[in-house]
Amino acid sequence: MNEGIRKRLQIIFSGSKRRAEEEIRERLVEMGLTEDMAKNAAEKIAQDKNSIKSLVPREESSELRAAVYTGLAYIMGVFFPVILYFLTSTIYIALPLSVIFAGLTLAIVSTIISIISGISVRKKVAEMIILGLGAAGLSYLVGSLMNLLFGAAFT
């Protein structure tokens, strides 16, 4: 997230000094400075294009941590919807429950992402559920079409 802010500020710095000062002032106010203090600091920071490096701290990235988080999210996303097929007697019970659990899992994961990212929870949950369940529904329709066209039933 910080890298995106840094790039945006660098673009603003290369364009308009006045706009750069406004952006820096807004960031400083968000960090808790008073309007006057933020305005004075923004004017001084905007004079030095290298100040952007100290304004937005770099995030430390860990490939191992990212891999673990991705793996856990994948396992969580697959485990709950799939386990129902082993616990129920027919696919007619498992399928609707699987869709519900997939939707709940998407809602939980997108809530966590939106809180960490500082974006709207409602919008992120709606986006993830619509895209995730939409992709699953489309895949199901394509599979059904292939079954009709080629008779490749796996029941």
Protein backbone atom coordinates (compact mmCIF):
# COMPACT_ATOMS: atom_id res chain seq x y z
CA MET A 1 0.00 0.00 0.00
CA ASN A 2 2.78 2.46 0.86
CA GLU A 3 4.47 1.81 -2.48
CA GLY A 4 1.33 2.96 -4.31
CA ILE A 5 1.19 6.14 -2.21
CA ARG A 6 4.89 6.75 -2.82
CA LYS A 7 4.52 6.38 -6.61
CA ARG A 8 1.47 8.65 -6.64
CA LEU A 9 3.34 11.34 -4.70
CA GLN A 10 6.35 11.03 -7.01
CA ILE A 11 4.10 11.61 -10.02
CA ILE A 12 2.55 14.60 -8.29
CA PHE A 13 6.03 15.92 -7.40
CA SER A 14 7.10 15.75 -11.02
CA GLY A 15 4.02 17.72 -12.07
CA SER A 16 2.75 20.55 -9.91
CA LYS A 17 4.59 21.81 -6.83
CA ARG A 18 1.35 23.31 -5.48
CA ARG A 19 -0.50 19.99 -5.86
CA ALA A 20 2.42 18.17 -4.23
CA GLU A 21 2.20 20.52 -1.24
CA GLU A 22 -1.54 19.91 -0.95
CA GLU A 23 -1.07 16.13 -1.06
CA ILE A 24 1.70 16.20 1.55
CA ARG A 25 -0.35 18.52 3.78
CA GLU A 26 -3.30 16.11 3.60
CA ARG A 27 -1.06 13.17 4.53
CA LEU A 28 0.44 15.06 7.45
CA VAL A 29 -3.00 16.07 8.75
CA GLU A 30 -4.05 12.40 8.52
CA MET A 31 -0.99 11.54 10.61
CA GLY A 32 -2.17 13.93 13.35
CA LEU A 33 -0.46 17.27 12.68
CA THR A 34 -2.46 20.46 12.97
CA GLU A 35 -3.44 22.22 9.76
CA ASP A 36 -0.88 25.03 10.29
CA MET A 37 1.97 22.67 11.15
CA ALA A 38 1.11 20.44 8.20
CA LYS A 39 1.01 23.41 5.82
CA ASN A 40 4.43 24.70 6.95
CA ALA A 41 5.99 21.25 6.81
CA ALA A 42 4.46 20.52 3.40
CA GLU A 43 5.95 23.69 1.94
CA LYS A 44 9.43 22.70 3.12
CA ILE A 45 9.08 19.06 2.11
CA ALA A 46 7.83 19.99 -1.37
CA GLN A 47 11.00 22.01 -1.99
CA ASP A 48 13.09 18.83 -1.88
CA LYS A 49 12.03 16.07 -4.29
CA ASN A 50 13.98 13.48 -2.28
CA SER A 51 11.83 14.17 0.80
CA ILE A 52 9.25 11.75 -0.50
CA LYS A 53 11.52 8.90 0.63
CA SER A 54 11.21 9.94 4.25
CA LEU A 55 7.53 10.85 4.07
CA VAL A 56 6.24 7.38 3.24
CA PRO A 57 8.10 4.52 4.96
CA ARG A 58 8.99 1.49 2.87
CA GLU A 59 7.29 -1.73 3.77
CA GLU A 60 9.50 -4.70 4.42
CA SER A 61 8.55 -7.53 2.12
CA SER A 62 9.07 -11.12 2.97
CA GLU A 63 8.60 -13.66 0.22
CA LEU A 64 8.25 -16.45 2.75
CA ARG A 65 5.57 -14.58 4.70
CA ALA A 66 3.69 -13.77 1.47
CA ALA A 67 3.89 -17.43 0.43
CA VAL A 68 2.58 -18.62 3.81
CA TYR A 69 -0.33 -16.14 3.72
CA THR A 70 -1.17 -17.10 0.15
CA GLY A 71 -1.04 -20.79 1.01
CA LEU A 72 -3.24 -20.36 4.09
CA ALA A 73 -5.76 -18.28 2.15
CA TYR A 74 -5.85 -20.93 -0.58
CA ILE A 75 -6.32 -23.77 1.90
CA MET A 76 -9.07 -21.87 3.71
CA GLY A 77 -10.74 -21.00 0.42
CA VAL A 78 -10.73 -24.60 -0.78
CA PHE A 79 -11.16 -26.58 2.43
CA PHE A 80 -14.53 -25.34 3.65
CA PRO A 81 -16.46 -25.60 0.37
CA VAL A 82 -14.92 -28.97 -0.57
CA ILE A 83 -15.21 -30.71 2.82
CA LEU A 84 -18.99 -30.61 2.52
CA TYR A 85 -18.87 -33.15 -0.32
CA PHE A 86 -17.29 -35.63 2.09
CA LEU A 87 -19.71 -34.88 4.94
CA THR A 88 -23.06 -34.94 3.13
CA SER A 89 -24.91 -37.83 1.57
CA THR A 90 -25.59 -36.33 -1.89
CA ILE A 91 -24.24 -33.59 -4.10
CA TYR A 92 -27.68 -31.97 -4.04
CA ILE A 93 -27.10 -31.14 -0.39
CA ALA A 94 -23.38 -30.45 -0.74
CA LEU A 95 -23.60 -28.05 -3.70
CA PRO A 96 -25.82 -25.35 -2.13
CA LEU A 97 -23.96 -25.63 1.17
CA SER A 98 -20.67 -25.39 -0.70
CA VAL A 99 -21.81 -22.20 -2.45
CA ILE A 100 -22.87 -20.70 0.89
CA PHE A 101 -19.56 -21.64 2.54
CA ALA A 102 -17.60 -20.30 -0.44
CA GLY A 103 -19.50 -17.01 -0.17
CA LEU A 104 -18.82 -16.84 3.57
CA THR A 105 -15.15 -17.58 3.03
CA LEU A 106 -14.91 -14.89 0.37
CA ALA A 107 -16.65 -12.44 2.71
CA ILE A 108 -14.24 -13.20 5.56
CA VAL A 109 -11.12 -12.95 3.41
CA SER A 110 -12.28 -9.74 1.71
CA THR A 111 -13.14 -8.20 5.09
CA ILE A 112 -9.63 -8.93 6.32
CA ILE A 113 -8.11 -7.52 3.12
CA SER A 114 -10.21 -4.36 3.28
CA ILE A 115 -9.39 -3.71 6.94
CA ILE A 116 -5.66 -4.18 6.31
CA SER A 117 -5.79 -2.02 3.17
CA GLY A 118 -8.02 0.66 4.65
CA ILE A 119 -10.64 0.41 1.92
CA SER A 120 -14.41 0.06 2.11
CA VAL A 121 -15.40 -3.30 3.60
CA ARG A 122 -18.81 -3.29 1.92
CA LYS A 123 -17.39 -2.64 -1.55
CA LYS A 124 -14.59 -5.19 -1.20
CA VAL A 125 -16.93 -7.91 0.10
CA ALA A 126 -19.40 -7.27 -2.73
CA GLU A 127 -16.60 -7.29 -5.30
CA MET A 128 -15.08 -10.55 -4.03
CA ILE A 129 -18.39 -12.39 -3.72
CA ILE A 130 -19.64 -11.28 -7.12
CA LEU A 131 -16.37 -12.12 -8.87
CA GLY A 132 -15.70 -15.35 -6.95
CA LEU A 133 -19.17 -16.84 -7.14
CA GLY A 134 -19.62 -15.45 -10.66
CA ALA A 135 -16.46 -17.24 -11.82
CA ALA A 136 -17.59 -20.45 -10.09
CA GLY A 137 -21.04 -20.18 -11.68
CA LEU A 138 -19.57 -19.55 -15.11
CA SER A 139 -17.23 -22.54 -14.70
CA TYR A 140 -20.18 -24.70 -13.70
CA LEU A 141 -22.13 -23.56 -16.79
CA VAL A 142 -19.18 -24.26 -19.09
CA GLY A 143 -18.76 -27.71 -17.52
CA SER A 144 -22.47 -28.42 -17.98
CA LEU A 145 -22.26 -27.29 -21.61
CA MET A 146 -19.27 -29.57 -22.21
CA ASN A 147 -21.23 -32.43 -20.67
CA LEU A 148 -24.15 -31.76 -23.02
CA LEU A 149 -21.96 -31.40 -26.11
CA PHE A 150 -19.51 -34.23 -25.50
CA GLY A 151 -21.30 -36.48 -23.02
CA ALA A 152 -18.46 -36.39 -20.54
CA ALA A 153 -20.46 -36.96 -17.38
CA PHE A 154 -18.55 -37.44 -14.14
CA THR A 155 -21.46 -38.37 -11.88
